[in-house]
Amino acid sequence: QVQLVESGGGLVQPGGSLRLACAASGTSRILVMGWYRQAPGKERELVAAITSGGSTNYADSVKGRFTISRDNAKNTLYLQMNSLKPEDAAVYYCNADAWTVGSKRGDYWGQGTLVAVSS
Protein backbone atom coordinates (compact mmCIF):
# COMPACT_ATOMS: atom_id res chain seq x y z
CA GLN A 1 0.00 0.00 0.00
CA VAL A 2 1.30 3.43 -0.97
CA GLN A 3 1.01 6.08 1.72
CA LEU A 4 1.04 9.81 1.06
CA VAL A 5 1.54 12.28 3.91
CA GLU A 6 1.04 15.99 3.29
CA SER A 7 2.48 18.82 5.35
CA GLY A 8 2.88 22.58 5.16
CA GLY A 9 -0.67 23.85 5.31
CA GLY A 10 -1.73 26.68 7.56
CA LEU A 11 -3.13 30.17 7.79
CA VAL A 12 -1.63 32.88 5.62
CA GLN A 13 -2.61 36.43 4.73
CA PRO A 14 -3.63 37.32 1.18
CA GLY A 15 -0.51 37.83 -0.91
CA GLY A 16 1.47 35.47 1.26
CA SER A 17 3.20 32.19 0.46
CA LEU A 18 3.12 28.59 1.61
CA ARG A 19 4.99 25.49 0.57
CA LEU A 20 3.24 22.15 0.72
CA ALA A 21 5.05 18.84 0.76
CA CYS A 22 3.87 15.28 0.21
CA ALA A 23 6.04 12.35 1.20
CA ALA A 24 5.31 8.98 -0.38
CA SER A 25 6.23 5.60 1.04
CA GLY A 26 5.59 1.99 0.13
CA THR A 27 6.15 2.62 -3.54
CA SER A 28 8.62 1.26 -6.04
CA ARG A 29 7.77 3.76 -8.75
CA ILE A 30 5.63 6.86 -9.01
CA LEU A 31 4.31 7.94 -12.37
CA VAL A 32 2.23 11.10 -12.13
CA MET A 33 1.87 13.09 -8.92
CA GLY A 34 -0.52 15.92 -8.41
CA TRP A 35 -2.11 18.36 -6.03
CA TYR A 36 -5.86 18.71 -5.83
CA ARG A 37 -7.95 20.97 -3.66
CA GLN A 38 -11.47 21.04 -2.36
CA ALA A 39 -13.15 24.07 -0.90
CA PRO A 40 -16.35 23.81 1.18
CA GLY A 41 -19.35 23.15 -1.04
CA LYS A 42 -17.22 22.65 -4.13
CA GLU A 43 -15.93 19.68 -6.04
CA ARG A 44 -12.34 18.55 -5.79
CA GLU A 45 -10.28 20.11 -8.57
CA LEU A 46 -6.84 19.61 -10.01
CA VAL A 47 -4.37 22.31 -9.04
CA ALA A 48 -1.20 21.00 -10.67
CA ALA A 49 0.38 17.75 -11.78
CA ILE A 50 3.86 16.56 -12.68
CA THR A 51 5.12 13.47 -14.44
CA SER A 52 8.17 11.45 -13.46
CA GLY A 53 10.00 13.20 -16.27
CA GLY A 54 9.13 16.65 -14.96
CA SER A 55 6.37 17.70 -17.34
CA THR A 56 3.85 19.88 -15.57
CA ASN A 57 0.37 21.25 -16.01
CA TYR A 58 -1.54 23.77 -13.95
CA ALA A 59 -5.07 24.94 -13.45
CA ASP A 60 -5.55 28.31 -15.14
CA SER A 61 -6.40 29.87 -11.78
CA VAL A 62 -2.94 29.18 -10.34
CA LYS A 63 -0.67 29.63 -13.36
CA GLY A 64 2.14 32.04 -12.62
CA ARG A 65 1.57 31.84 -8.86
CA PHE A 66 2.04 28.15 -7.98
CA THR A 67 4.95 25.88 -8.82
CA ILE A 68 4.84 22.11 -8.57
CA SER A 69 8.04 20.08 -8.25
CA ARG A 70 9.16 16.67 -7.13
CA ASP A 71 12.25 14.99 -5.77
CA ASN A 72 12.18 11.51 -7.27
CA ALA A 73 15.03 10.30 -5.07
CA LYS A 74 13.04 11.22 -1.97
CA ASN A 75 9.60 10.34 -3.39
CA THR A 76 8.46 13.78 -2.32
CA LEU A 77 6.15 16.21 -4.06
CA TYR A 78 6.08 19.96 -3.43
CA LEU A 79 3.78 22.84 -4.19
CA GLN A 80 5.13 26.36 -3.81
CA MET A 81 2.19 28.73 -3.53
CA ASN A 82 2.83 32.46 -3.91
CA SER A 83 0.50 35.46 -4.08
CA LEU A 84 -2.19 33.50 -2.31
CA LYS A 85 -5.76 34.69 -2.65
CA PRO A 86 -8.79 34.00 -0.45
CA GLU A 87 -10.19 31.80 -3.21
CA ASP A 88 -7.16 29.50 -2.84
CA ALA A 89 -8.38 28.46 0.60
CA ALA A 90 -9.20 24.75 0.60
CA VAL A 91 -8.06 21.35 1.75
CA TYR A 92 -5.17 20.36 -0.49
CA TYR A 93 -4.72 16.70 -1.34
CA CYS A 94 -1.73 14.90 -2.74
CA ASN A 95 -2.36 12.26 -5.39
CA ALA A 96 -0.10 9.67 -6.95
CA ASP A 97 -0.40 7.18 -9.76
CA ALA A 98 2.08 4.69 -8.38
CA TRP A 99 3.29 1.13 -8.18
CA THR A 100 3.50 -0.49 -4.77
CA VAL A 101 6.59 -2.35 -3.66
CA GLY A 102 4.62 -5.49 -4.45
CA SER A 103 4.18 -4.35 -8.07
CA LYS A 104 0.55 -3.35 -7.94
CA ARG A 105 -0.41 -0.12 -9.66
CA GLY A 106 -3.02 2.16 -8.17
CA ASP A 107 -4.28 5.69 -7.57
CA TYR A 108 -3.51 6.94 -4.09
CA TRP A 109 -4.53 9.94 -1.98
CA GLY A 110 -3.17 11.68 1.06
CA GLN A 111 -5.29 12.76 4.00
CA GLY A 112 -5.22 16.42 3.03
CA THR A 113 -3.78 19.58 4.51
CA LEU A 114 -5.78 22.74 5.17
CA VAL A 115 -4.79 26.03 3.59
CA ALA A 116 -6.58 29.10 4.92
CA VAL A 117 -6.11 32.54 3.37
CA SER A 118 -7.44 35.40 5.43
CA SER A 119 -6.45 38.76 6.81
C-alpha atoms as a PDB file:
ATOM      1  CA  GLN A   1       0.000   0.000   0.000  1.00  0.00           C
ATOM      2  CA  VAL A   2       1.304   3.426  -0.967  1.00  0.00           C
ATOM      3  CA  GLN A   3       1.013   6.080   1.724  1.00  0.00           C
ATOM      4  CA  LEU A   4       1.042   9.813   1.063  1.00  0.00           C
ATOM      5  CA  VAL A   5       1.543  12.278   3.912  1.00  0.00           C
ATOM      6  CA  GLU A   6       1.045  15.986   3.292  1.00  0.00           C
ATOM      7  CA  SER A   7       2.477  18.823   5.345  1.00  0.00           C
ATOM      8  CA  GLY A   8       2.879  22.579   5.163  1.00  0.00           C
ATOM      9  CA  GLY A   9      -0.668  23.854   5.305  1.00  0.00           C
ATOM     10  CA  GLY A  10      -1.733  26.678   7.563  1.00  0.00           C
ATOM     11  CA  LEU A  11      -3.126  30.170   7.789  1.00  0.00           C
ATOM     12  CA  VAL A  12      -1.633  32.877   5.617  1.00  0.00           C
ATOM     13  CA  GLN A  13      -2.606  36.426   4.726  1.00  0.00           C
ATOM     14  CA  PRO A  14      -3.625  37.324   1.184  1.00  0.00           C
ATOM     15  CA  GLY A  15      -0.514  37.825  -0.907  1.00  0.00           C
ATOM     16  CA  GLY A  16       1.470  35.465   1.256  1.00  0.00           C
ATOM     17  CA  SER A  17       3.195  32.190   0.458  1.00  0.00           C
ATOM     18  CA  LEU A  18       3.115  28.594   1.607  1.00  0.00           C
ATOM     19  CA  ARG A  19       4.992  25.488   0.573  1.00  0.00           C
ATOM     20  CA  LEU A  20       3.237  22.146   0.725  1.00  0.00           C
ATOM     21  CA  ALA A  21       5.053  18.838   0.759  1.00  0.00           C
ATOM     22  CA  CYS A  22       3.868  15.279   0.213  1.00  0.00           C
ATOM     23  CA  ALA A  23       6.043  12.352   1.204  1.00  0.00           C
ATOM     24  CA  ALA A  24       5.311   8.985  -0.382  1.00  0.00           C
ATOM     25  CA  SER A  25       6.229   5.597   1.042  1.00  0.00           C
ATOM     26  CA  GLY A  26       5.588   1.989   0.132  1.00  0.00           C
ATOM     27  CA  THR A  27       6.147   2.619  -3.542  1.00  0.00           C
ATOM     28  CA  SER A  28       8.621   1.258  -6.041  1.00  0.00           C
ATOM     29  CA  ARG A  29       7.767   3.758  -8.751  1.00  0.00           C
ATOM     30  CA  ILE A  30       5.632   6.865  -9.009  1.00  0.00           C
ATOM     31  CA  LEU A  31       4.306   7.944 -12.373  1.00  0.00           C
ATOM     32  CA  VAL A  32       2.233  11.099 -12.130  1.00  0.00           C
ATOM     33  CA  MET A  33       1.867  13.087  -8.917  1.00  0.00           C
ATOM     34  CA  GLY A  34      -0.518  15.923  -8.407  1.00  0.00           C
ATOM     35  CA  TRP A  35      -2.107  18.362  -6.029  1.00  0.00           C
ATOM     36  CA  TYR A  36      -5.855  18.710  -5.833  1.00  0.00           C
ATOM     37  CA  ARG A  37      -7.949  20.973  -3.662  1.00  0.00           C
ATOM     38  CA  GLN A  38     -11.466  21.036  -2.361  1.00  0.00           C
ATOM     39  CA  ALA A  39     -13.154  24.075  -0.895  1.00  0.00           C
ATOM     40  CA  PRO A  40     -16.349  23.812   1.180  1.00  0.00           C
ATOM     41  CA  GLY A  41     -19.348  23.147  -1.044  1.00  0.00           C
ATOM     42  CA  LYS A  42     -17.219  22.653  -4.128  1.00  0.00           C
ATOM     43  CA  GLU A  43     -15.931  19.680  -6.040  1.00  0.00           C
ATOM     44  CA  ARG A  44     -12.344  18.549  -5.790  1.00  0.00           C
ATOM     45  CA  GLU A  45     -10.281  20.107  -8.568  1.00  0.00           C
ATOM     46  CA  LEU A  46      -6.836  19.605 -10.014  1.00  0.00           C
ATOM     47  CA  VAL A  47      -4.367  22.307  -9.043  1.00  0.00           C
ATOM     48  CA  ALA A  48      -1.201  20.999 -10.665  1.00  0.00           C
ATOM     49  CA  ALA A  49       0.382  17.752 -11.776  1.00  0.00           C
ATOM     50  CA  ILE A  50       3.856  16.561 -12.685  1.00  0.00           C
ATOM     51  CA  THR A  51       5.121  13.466 -14.445  1.00  0.00           C
ATOM     52  CA  SER A  52       8.170  11.454 -13.456  1.00  0.00           C
ATOM     53  CA  GLY A  53      10.003  13.204 -16.274  1.00  0.00           C
ATOM     54  CA  GLY A  54       9.133  16.647 -14.960  1.00  0.00           C
ATOM     55  CA  SER A  55       6.372  17.702 -17.341  1.00  0.00           C
ATOM     56  CA  THR A  56       3.845  19.883 -15.575  1.00  0.00           C
ATOM     57  CA  ASN A  57       0.368  21.246 -16.012  1.00  0.00           C
ATOM     58  CA  TYR A  58      -1.539  23.766 -13.951  1.00  0.00           C
ATOM     59  CA  ALA A  59      -5.068  24.940 -13.452  1.00  0.00           C
ATOM     60  CA  ASP A  60      -5.547  28.307 -15.137  1.00  0.00           C
ATOM     61  CA  SER A  61      -6.403  29.867 -11.781  1.00  0.00           C
ATOM     62  CA  VAL A  62      -2.936  29.177 -10.343  1.00  0.00           C
ATOM     63  CA  LYS A  63      -0.671  29.630 -13.358  1.00  0.00           C
ATOM     64  CA  GLY A  64       2.136  32.045 -12.620  1.00  0.00           C
ATOM     65  CA  ARG A  65       1.571  31.836  -8.860  1.00  0.00           C
ATOM     66  CA  PHE A  66       2.039  28.152  -7.978  1.00  0.00           C
ATOM     67  CA  THR A  67       4.948  25.883  -8.817  1.00  0.00           C
ATOM     68  CA  ILE A  68       4.844  22.105  -8.571  1.00  0.00           C
ATOM     69  CA  SER A  69       8.045  20.084  -8.253  1.00  0.00           C
ATOM     70  CA  ARG A  70       9.157  16.671  -7.135  1.00  0.00           C
ATOM     71  CA  ASP A  71      12.246  14.993  -5.769  1.00  0.00           C
ATOM     72  CA  ASN A  72      12.182  11.511  -7.274  1.00  0.00           C
ATOM     73  CA  ALA A  73      15.030  10.296  -5.074  1.00  0.00           C
ATOM     74  CA  LYS A  74      13.041  11.218  -1.969  1.00  0.00           C
ATOM     75  CA  ASN A  75       9.601  10.342  -3.394  1.00  0.00           C
ATOM     76  CA  THR A  76       8.459  13.779  -2.320  1.00  0.00           C
ATOM     77  CA  LEU A  77       6.152  16.214  -4.061  1.00  0.00           C
ATOM     78  CA  TYR A  78       6.082  19.957  -3.434  1.00  0.00           C
ATOM     79  CA  LEU A  79       3.782  22.843  -4.188  1.00  0.00           C
ATOM     80  CA  GLN A  80       5.131  26.359  -3.807  1.00  0.00           C
ATOM     81  CA  MET A  81       2.193  28.731  -3.534  1.00  0.00           C
ATOM     82  CA  ASN A  82       2.827  32.460  -3.906  1.00  0.00           C
ATOM     83  CA  SER A  83       0.505  35.462  -4.076  1.00  0.00           C
ATOM     84  CA  LEU A  84      -2.191  33.505  -2.313  1.00  0.00           C
ATOM     85  CA  LYS A  85      -5.762  34.687  -2.653  1.00  0.00           C
ATOM     86  CA  PRO A  86      -8.792  34.000  -0.446  1.00  0.00           C
ATOM     87  CA  GLU A  87     -10.185  31.798  -3.207  1.00  0.00           C
ATOM     88  CA  ASP A  88      -7.158  29.505  -2.844  1.00  0.00           C
ATOM     89  CA  ALA A  89      -8.381  28.460   0.601  1.00  0.00           C
ATOM     90  CA  ALA A  90      -9.201  24.749   0.604  1.00  0.00           C
ATOM     91  CA  VAL A  91      -8.062  21.352   1.750  1.00  0.00           C
ATOM     92  CA  TYR A  92      -5.172  20.358  -0.495  1.00  0.00           C
ATOM     93  CA  TYR A  93      -4.721  16.702  -1.341  1.00  0.00           C
ATOM     94  CA  CYS A  94      -1.727  14.896  -2.741  1.00  0.00           C
ATOM     95  CA  ASN A  95      -2.364  12.259  -5.387  1.00  0.00           C
ATOM     96  CA  ALA A  96      -0.101   9.668  -6.948  1.00  0.00           C
ATOM     97  CA  ASP A  97      -0.398   7.177  -9.765  1.00  0.00           C
ATOM     98  CA  ALA A  98       2.081   4.687  -8.382  1.00  0.00           C
ATOM     99  CA  TRP A  99       3.286   1.131  -8.177  1.00  0.00           C
ATOM    100  CA  THR A 100       3.497  -0.493  -4.768  1.00  0.00           C
ATOM    101  CA  VAL A 101       6.595  -2.349  -3.656  1.00  0.00           C
ATOM    102  CA  GLY A 102       4.617  -5.494  -4.448  1.00  0.00           C
ATOM    103  CA  SER A 103       4.184  -4.351  -8.071  1.00  0.00           C
ATOM    104  CA  LYS A 104       0.548  -3.349  -7.940  1.00  0.00           C
ATOM    105  CA  ARG A 105      -0.410  -0.124  -9.656  1.00  0.00           C
ATOM    106  CA  GLY A 106      -3.019   2.159  -8.173  1.00  0.00           C
ATOM    107  CA  ASP A 107      -4.281   5.687  -7.573  1.00  0.00           C
ATOM    108  CA  TYR A 108      -3.508   6.939  -4.092  1.00  0.00           C
ATOM    109  CA  TRP A 109      -4.528   9.942  -1.983  1.00  0.00           C
ATOM    110  CA  GLY A 110      -3.167  11.683   1.056  1.00  0.00           C
ATOM    111  CA  GLN A 111      -5.293  12.757   3.999  1.00  0.00           C
ATOM    112  CA  GLY A 112      -5.223  16.422   3.029  1.00  0.00           C
ATOM    113  CA  THR A 113      -3.776  19.582   4.511  1.00  0.00           C
ATOM    114  CA  LEU A 114      -5.778  22.737   5.167  1.00  0.00           C
ATOM    115  CA  VAL A 115      -4.789  26.029   3.586  1.00  0.00           C
ATOM    116  CA  ALA A 116      -6.580  29.096   4.922  1.00  0.00           C
ATOM    117  CA  VAL A 117      -6.112  32.544   3.367  1.00  0.00           C
ATOM    118  CA  SER A 118      -7.443  35.404   5.432  1.00  0.00           C
ATOM    119  CA  SER A 119      -6.451  38.755   6.812  1.00  0.00           C
END
